[in-house]
N, C-alpha and C. Protein backbone atom coordinates (compact mmCIF):
# COMPACT_ATOMS: atom_id res chain seq x y z
N MET A 1 7.12 -2.33 -1.23
CA MET A 1 5.67 -2.42 -1.34
C MET A 1 5.05 -2.36 0.06
N ALA A 2 3.92 -1.71 0.13
CA ALA A 2 3.19 -1.59 1.38
C ALA A 2 2.20 -2.74 1.51
N LYS A 3 1.95 -3.15 2.75
CA LYS A 3 0.99 -4.22 3.00
C LYS A 3 -0.17 -3.64 3.81
N TYR A 4 -1.40 -3.96 3.38
CA TYR A 4 -2.59 -3.43 4.02
C TYR A 4 -3.54 -4.55 4.40
N ARG A 5 -4.20 -4.36 5.53
CA ARG A 5 -5.36 -5.17 5.87
C ARG A 5 -6.56 -4.35 5.42
N VAL A 6 -7.47 -4.98 4.70
CA VAL A 6 -8.66 -4.33 4.17
C VAL A 6 -9.88 -4.97 4.83
N THR A 7 -10.78 -4.13 5.35
CA THR A 7 -12.03 -4.66 5.89
C THR A 7 -13.20 -3.90 5.27
N ILE A 8 -14.30 -4.61 5.11
CA ILE A 8 -15.53 -4.01 4.60
C ILE A 8 -16.63 -4.30 5.62
N ASP A 9 -17.29 -3.27 6.07
CA ASP A 9 -18.43 -3.43 6.96
C ASP A 9 -19.65 -3.72 6.08
N LYS A 10 -20.01 -5.00 6.00
CA LYS A 10 -21.09 -5.42 5.10
C LYS A 10 -22.40 -4.72 5.44
N ASP A 11 -22.66 -4.51 6.74
CA ASP A 11 -23.91 -3.86 7.14
C ASP A 11 -23.95 -2.40 6.70
N ALA A 12 -22.79 -1.75 6.66
CA ALA A 12 -22.74 -0.34 6.26
C ALA A 12 -22.74 -0.18 4.73
N CYS A 13 -22.30 -1.21 4.02
CA CYS A 13 -22.20 -1.13 2.56
C CYS A 13 -23.59 -1.01 1.93
N ILE A 14 -23.73 -0.06 1.00
CA ILE A 14 -25.00 0.12 0.29
C ILE A 14 -24.93 -0.37 -1.15
N GLY A 15 -23.82 -0.98 -1.53
CA GLY A 15 -23.68 -1.52 -2.88
C GLY A 15 -23.53 -0.47 -3.95
N ASP A 16 -22.99 0.68 -3.57
CA ASP A 16 -22.78 1.79 -4.50
C ASP A 16 -21.87 1.39 -5.67
N GLY A 17 -20.85 0.57 -5.38
CA GLY A 17 -19.95 0.05 -6.40
C GLY A 17 -18.79 0.95 -6.78
N ILE A 18 -18.64 2.10 -6.12
CA ILE A 18 -17.52 2.99 -6.46
C ILE A 18 -16.19 2.30 -6.20
N CYS A 19 -16.11 1.51 -5.15
CA CYS A 19 -14.85 0.81 -4.84
C CYS A 19 -14.50 -0.17 -5.95
N ILE A 20 -15.52 -0.83 -6.50
CA ILE A 20 -15.29 -1.81 -7.56
C ILE A 20 -14.85 -1.13 -8.84
N SER A 21 -15.43 0.02 -9.14
CA SER A 21 -15.03 0.74 -10.35
C SER A 21 -13.63 1.34 -10.21
N ILE A 22 -13.25 1.72 -8.99
CA ILE A 22 -11.93 2.30 -8.75
C ILE A 22 -10.85 1.22 -8.65
N CYS A 23 -11.17 0.11 -7.99
CA CYS A 23 -10.16 -0.89 -7.65
C CYS A 23 -10.71 -2.31 -7.84
N PRO A 24 -10.98 -2.70 -9.08
CA PRO A 24 -11.61 -4.01 -9.33
C PRO A 24 -10.71 -5.21 -9.01
N GLU A 25 -9.43 -4.99 -8.88
CA GLU A 25 -8.53 -6.10 -8.52
C GLU A 25 -8.79 -6.56 -7.08
N VAL A 26 -9.25 -5.65 -6.23
CA VAL A 26 -9.43 -5.95 -4.80
C VAL A 26 -10.90 -6.11 -4.41
N PHE A 27 -11.81 -5.39 -5.07
CA PHE A 27 -13.21 -5.40 -4.67
C PHE A 27 -14.11 -5.96 -5.77
N GLU A 28 -15.16 -6.67 -5.35
CA GLU A 28 -16.16 -7.20 -6.27
C GLU A 28 -17.49 -7.25 -5.52
N PHE A 29 -18.58 -7.49 -6.26
CA PHE A 29 -19.89 -7.62 -5.64
C PHE A 29 -20.09 -9.05 -5.12
N ASP A 30 -20.77 -9.16 -3.97
CA ASP A 30 -21.18 -10.48 -3.49
C ASP A 30 -22.58 -10.78 -4.05
N ASP A 31 -23.19 -11.87 -3.63
CA ASP A 31 -24.50 -12.28 -4.14
C ASP A 31 -25.63 -11.34 -3.75
N GLU A 32 -25.38 -10.50 -2.74
CA GLU A 32 -26.39 -9.55 -2.27
C GLU A 32 -26.18 -8.15 -2.84
N GLY A 33 -25.21 -8.01 -3.74
CA GLY A 33 -24.94 -6.70 -4.32
C GLY A 33 -24.12 -5.79 -3.44
N LYS A 34 -23.43 -6.36 -2.46
CA LYS A 34 -22.56 -5.60 -1.57
C LYS A 34 -21.11 -5.88 -1.95
N ALA A 35 -20.22 -4.98 -1.54
CA ALA A 35 -18.80 -5.17 -1.86
C ALA A 35 -18.19 -6.25 -0.98
N ARG A 36 -17.27 -7.01 -1.59
CA ARG A 36 -16.46 -7.96 -0.83
C ARG A 36 -15.05 -7.93 -1.43
N VAL A 37 -14.12 -8.54 -0.72
CA VAL A 37 -12.74 -8.63 -1.18
C VAL A 37 -12.65 -9.78 -2.18
N THR A 38 -11.91 -9.57 -3.26
CA THR A 38 -11.75 -10.63 -4.25
C THR A 38 -11.01 -11.82 -3.63
N GLU A 39 -11.25 -12.99 -4.19
CA GLU A 39 -10.69 -14.22 -3.64
C GLU A 39 -9.16 -14.16 -3.51
N LYS A 40 -8.51 -13.50 -4.44
CA LYS A 40 -7.05 -13.41 -4.44
C LYS A 40 -6.51 -12.82 -3.13
N TYR A 41 -7.25 -11.90 -2.52
CA TYR A 41 -6.76 -11.19 -1.34
C TYR A 41 -7.51 -11.54 -0.05
N ARG A 42 -8.54 -12.37 -0.13
CA ARG A 42 -9.38 -12.70 1.01
C ARG A 42 -8.60 -13.44 2.09
N THR A 43 -8.96 -13.18 3.35
CA THR A 43 -8.35 -13.91 4.46
C THR A 43 -9.44 -14.58 5.29
N ALA A 44 -9.84 -13.99 6.40
CA ALA A 44 -10.76 -14.63 7.34
C ALA A 44 -12.18 -14.78 6.82
N SER A 45 -12.63 -13.83 6.02
CA SER A 45 -14.00 -13.88 5.49
C SER A 45 -14.02 -13.19 4.13
N ASN A 46 -15.19 -13.12 3.51
CA ASN A 46 -15.33 -12.42 2.25
C ASN A 46 -15.10 -10.92 2.38
N TYR A 47 -15.13 -10.42 3.60
CA TYR A 47 -15.09 -8.97 3.84
C TYR A 47 -13.81 -8.52 4.53
N GLU A 48 -12.80 -9.38 4.50
CA GLU A 48 -11.48 -9.05 5.04
C GLU A 48 -10.40 -9.59 4.10
N GLY A 49 -9.31 -8.87 4.02
CA GLY A 49 -8.22 -9.34 3.19
C GLY A 49 -6.92 -8.65 3.51
N GLU A 50 -5.86 -9.15 2.91
CA GLU A 50 -4.54 -8.54 3.01
C GLU A 50 -4.01 -8.34 1.61
N VAL A 51 -3.49 -7.14 1.37
CA VAL A 51 -3.03 -6.77 0.05
C VAL A 51 -1.60 -6.25 0.15
N GLU A 52 -0.70 -6.88 -0.61
CA GLU A 52 0.65 -6.35 -0.77
C GLU A 52 0.57 -5.45 -2.00
N ALA A 53 0.67 -4.16 -1.76
CA ALA A 53 0.31 -3.20 -2.81
C ALA A 53 1.50 -2.44 -3.36
N ASN A 54 1.61 -2.48 -4.69
CA ASN A 54 2.55 -1.57 -5.35
C ASN A 54 1.91 -0.18 -5.32
N GLU A 55 2.56 0.81 -5.88
CA GLU A 55 2.07 2.19 -5.80
C GLU A 55 0.69 2.35 -6.44
N GLU A 56 0.49 1.71 -7.59
CA GLU A 56 -0.79 1.82 -8.29
C GLU A 56 -1.94 1.20 -7.48
N LEU A 57 -1.69 0.03 -6.93
CA LEU A 57 -2.70 -0.64 -6.12
C LEU A 57 -2.96 0.12 -4.82
N GLU A 58 -1.92 0.65 -4.23
CA GLU A 58 -2.06 1.46 -3.02
C GLU A 58 -2.94 2.69 -3.31
N ASN A 59 -2.73 3.32 -4.45
CA ASN A 59 -3.53 4.49 -4.82
C ASN A 59 -5.00 4.14 -4.98
N CYS A 60 -5.29 3.03 -5.65
CA CYS A 60 -6.70 2.67 -5.84
C CYS A 60 -7.34 2.25 -4.52
N LEU A 61 -6.60 1.60 -3.63
CA LEU A 61 -7.14 1.24 -2.32
C LEU A 61 -7.50 2.48 -1.50
N THR A 62 -6.59 3.43 -1.45
CA THR A 62 -6.86 4.63 -0.66
C THR A 62 -7.99 5.46 -1.26
N GLN A 63 -8.08 5.48 -2.58
CA GLN A 63 -9.20 6.17 -3.23
C GLN A 63 -10.52 5.47 -2.91
N ALA A 64 -10.55 4.15 -2.98
CA ALA A 64 -11.77 3.40 -2.68
C ALA A 64 -12.22 3.66 -1.25
N GLU A 65 -11.28 3.68 -0.33
CA GLU A 65 -11.62 3.96 1.07
C GLU A 65 -12.21 5.37 1.21
N SER A 66 -11.56 6.35 0.61
CA SER A 66 -12.02 7.74 0.78
C SER A 66 -13.30 8.04 0.02
N MET A 67 -13.56 7.33 -1.08
CA MET A 67 -14.75 7.61 -1.89
C MET A 67 -15.99 6.83 -1.44
N CYS A 68 -15.83 5.84 -0.58
CA CYS A 68 -16.98 5.05 -0.12
C CYS A 68 -17.98 5.96 0.58
N PRO A 69 -19.22 6.02 0.10
CA PRO A 69 -20.18 6.97 0.66
C PRO A 69 -20.60 6.66 2.10
N THR A 70 -20.39 5.43 2.56
CA THR A 70 -20.78 5.08 3.93
C THR A 70 -19.57 4.76 4.82
N GLN A 71 -18.37 4.99 4.31
CA GLN A 71 -17.13 4.66 5.03
C GLN A 71 -17.09 3.20 5.48
N ALA A 72 -17.63 2.31 4.65
CA ALA A 72 -17.65 0.88 4.97
C ALA A 72 -16.28 0.23 4.80
N ILE A 73 -15.41 0.84 4.01
CA ILE A 73 -14.08 0.28 3.74
C ILE A 73 -13.07 0.92 4.68
N LYS A 74 -12.29 0.07 5.33
CA LYS A 74 -11.22 0.55 6.22
C LYS A 74 -9.90 -0.12 5.81
N LEU A 75 -8.86 0.68 5.74
CA LEU A 75 -7.51 0.19 5.45
C LEU A 75 -6.65 0.35 6.68
N PHE A 76 -5.83 -0.65 6.94
CA PHE A 76 -4.89 -0.62 8.04
C PHE A 76 -3.52 -1.01 7.48
N LYS A 77 -2.58 -0.06 7.55
CA LYS A 77 -1.25 -0.32 7.00
C LYS A 77 -0.51 -1.25 7.97
N LEU A 78 0.00 -2.36 7.44
CA LEU A 78 0.69 -3.36 8.24
C LEU A 78 2.19 -3.18 8.23
N GLU A 79 2.73 -2.60 7.18
CA GLU A 79 4.18 -2.42 7.10
C GLU A 79 4.49 -1.00 6.70
């Protein structure tokens, strides 16, 4: 399994929700209608997390990153 650090630039996020529809296990809306990392994967803040991803989860993460209209989501492979 691959391990990823996930970050969301809250200022860049426009609340489009494509990441949530693609990968709801990792992304959800915050109180302002912006994307945040779900509690299960959260680390330092609501907008950072670490995900140990099987192939299916890895696919949805990479799709969410590439489909974000403002490139607010960044993935960093740790392993």
